[in-house]
């Protein structure tokens, strides 16, 4: 699938033990995009007790005219509050998808 090719080129050589958690096509506003949720061990921008945390990222790939665009975002961990449980996998997936679709909808393309 598309995700395997992107993943092998971008992540596999640079991030040992990285993996694709989910990949799917998304249909939104009469357009098709490709979505991936990936796991990147010790690649978060967040640190806890001096240690870099694992990252879960969402990637959205789509075309506009003759251009291919690649957007990505990450899950903000709940590490600052011990009262809240961590997100479930479904919550993470929904958060990433919604965030990327919102971002794509806000971009003004002048091509």
Protein backbone atom coordinates (compact mmCIF):
# COMPACT_ATOMS: atom_id res chain seq x y z
CA UNK A 1 0.00 0.00 0.00
CA UNK A 2 1.04 3.67 -0.25
CA UNK A 3 1.95 3.78 3.42
CA UNK A 4 4.57 1.08 3.07
CA UNK A 5 6.42 3.04 0.38
CA UNK A 6 6.34 6.33 2.29
CA UNK A 7 7.24 4.59 5.51
CA UNK A 8 10.20 2.69 4.03
CA UNK A 9 11.65 5.82 2.43
CA UNK A 10 11.11 8.29 5.28
CA UNK A 11 11.05 6.43 8.59
CA UNK A 12 12.42 2.90 8.43
CA UNK A 13 16.06 3.88 7.72
CA UNK A 14 16.12 6.56 10.43
CA UNK A 15 13.95 5.22 13.26
CA UNK A 16 14.55 1.65 14.43
CA UNK A 17 11.38 -0.16 15.62
CA UNK A 18 9.07 2.42 14.00
CA UNK A 19 5.85 0.93 12.65
CA UNK A 20 2.59 1.75 10.91
CA UNK A 21 -0.35 1.45 13.31
CA UNK A 22 -3.16 2.28 10.88
CA UNK A 23 -3.55 3.32 7.25
CA UNK A 24 -6.66 4.16 5.28
CA UNK A 25 -8.13 6.33 2.56
CA UNK A 26 -10.27 9.24 3.72
CA UNK A 27 -13.01 10.76 1.59
CA UNK A 28 -13.76 14.36 2.61
CA UNK A 29 -15.43 17.12 0.60
CA UNK A 30 -15.30 15.12 -2.64
CA UNK A 31 -11.55 14.59 -2.29
CA UNK A 32 -9.54 11.52 -1.40
CA UNK A 33 -6.56 11.57 0.96
CA UNK A 34 -4.35 8.85 2.37
CA UNK A 35 -3.99 8.74 6.17
CA UNK A 36 -1.41 6.89 8.26
CA UNK A 37 -0.93 6.65 12.02
CA UNK A 38 2.64 5.70 12.87
CA UNK A 39 4.57 4.86 16.03
CA UNK A 40 8.05 6.35 16.45
CA UNK A 41 9.85 5.14 19.58
CA UNK A 42 11.69 7.87 21.52
CA UNK A 43 10.95 10.49 18.81
CA UNK A 44 8.53 12.79 20.60
CA UNK A 45 9.32 16.46 21.11
CA UNK A 46 8.14 15.91 24.71
CA UNK A 47 10.48 14.83 27.49
CA UNK A 48 9.57 13.28 30.83
CA UNK A 49 12.19 13.00 33.57
CA UNK A 50 14.81 13.96 30.99
CA UNK A 51 13.84 11.15 28.61
CA UNK A 52 12.35 11.67 25.17
CA UNK A 53 8.92 10.02 24.94
CA UNK A 54 7.51 7.78 22.20
CA UNK A 55 5.61 9.58 19.45
CA UNK A 56 2.46 8.69 17.60
CA UNK A 57 2.05 10.75 14.46
CA UNK A 58 -0.65 11.17 11.90
CA UNK A 59 0.26 11.74 8.26
CA UNK A 60 -2.11 12.93 5.54
CA UNK A 61 -1.08 12.71 1.88
CA UNK A 62 -3.21 14.29 -0.84
CA UNK A 63 -3.09 15.83 -4.31
CA UNK A 64 -4.09 19.26 -5.50
CA UNK A 65 -3.77 19.63 -9.26
CA UNK A 66 -0.30 18.29 -10.12
CA UNK A 67 1.16 18.63 -6.60
CA UNK A 68 1.34 16.11 -3.76
CA UNK A 69 1.12 17.45 -0.21
CA UNK A 70 2.27 15.74 2.97
CA UNK A 71 0.89 17.03 6.31
CA UNK A 72 1.68 15.58 9.70
CA UNK A 73 0.89 16.14 13.35
CA UNK A 74 1.38 14.34 16.65
CA UNK A 75 -0.56 13.39 19.75
CA UNK A 76 0.06 15.71 22.66
CA UNK A 77 0.63 13.33 25.59
CA UNK A 78 -1.28 13.65 28.86
CA UNK A 79 1.91 13.59 30.87
CA UNK A 80 1.30 16.76 32.85
CA UNK A 81 -1.71 15.45 34.74
CA UNK A 82 -1.65 12.22 36.69
CA UNK A 83 -5.45 12.42 37.10
CA UNK A 84 -6.20 11.73 33.43
CA UNK A 85 -5.84 8.29 31.84
CA UNK A 86 -3.90 8.05 28.59
CA UNK A 87 -5.91 8.27 25.36
CA UNK A 88 -7.29 5.04 23.93
CA UNK A 89 -6.11 3.98 20.46
CA UNK A 90 -9.47 5.00 18.99
CA UNK A 91 -9.26 8.44 20.63
CA UNK A 92 -5.74 8.93 19.29
CA UNK A 93 -6.78 7.89 15.80
CA UNK A 94 -9.78 10.24 15.81
CA UNK A 95 -7.71 13.14 17.22
CA UNK A 96 -5.05 12.76 14.52
CA UNK A 97 -7.55 12.45 11.65
CA UNK A 98 -9.64 15.41 12.78
CA UNK A 99 -6.59 17.58 13.35
CA UNK A 100 -5.16 16.86 9.90
CA UNK A 101 -8.47 17.31 8.09
CA UNK A 102 -8.99 20.66 9.87
CA UNK A 103 -5.49 21.76 8.91
CA UNK A 104 -6.03 20.75 5.29
CA UNK A 105 -9.35 22.64 5.20
CA UNK A 106 -7.70 25.84 6.56
CA UNK A 107 -4.89 25.90 3.98
CA UNK A 108 -5.39 28.28 1.06
CA UNK A 109 -3.84 26.74 -2.03
CA UNK A 110 -2.70 29.20 -4.70
CA UNK A 111 -1.56 26.87 -7.45
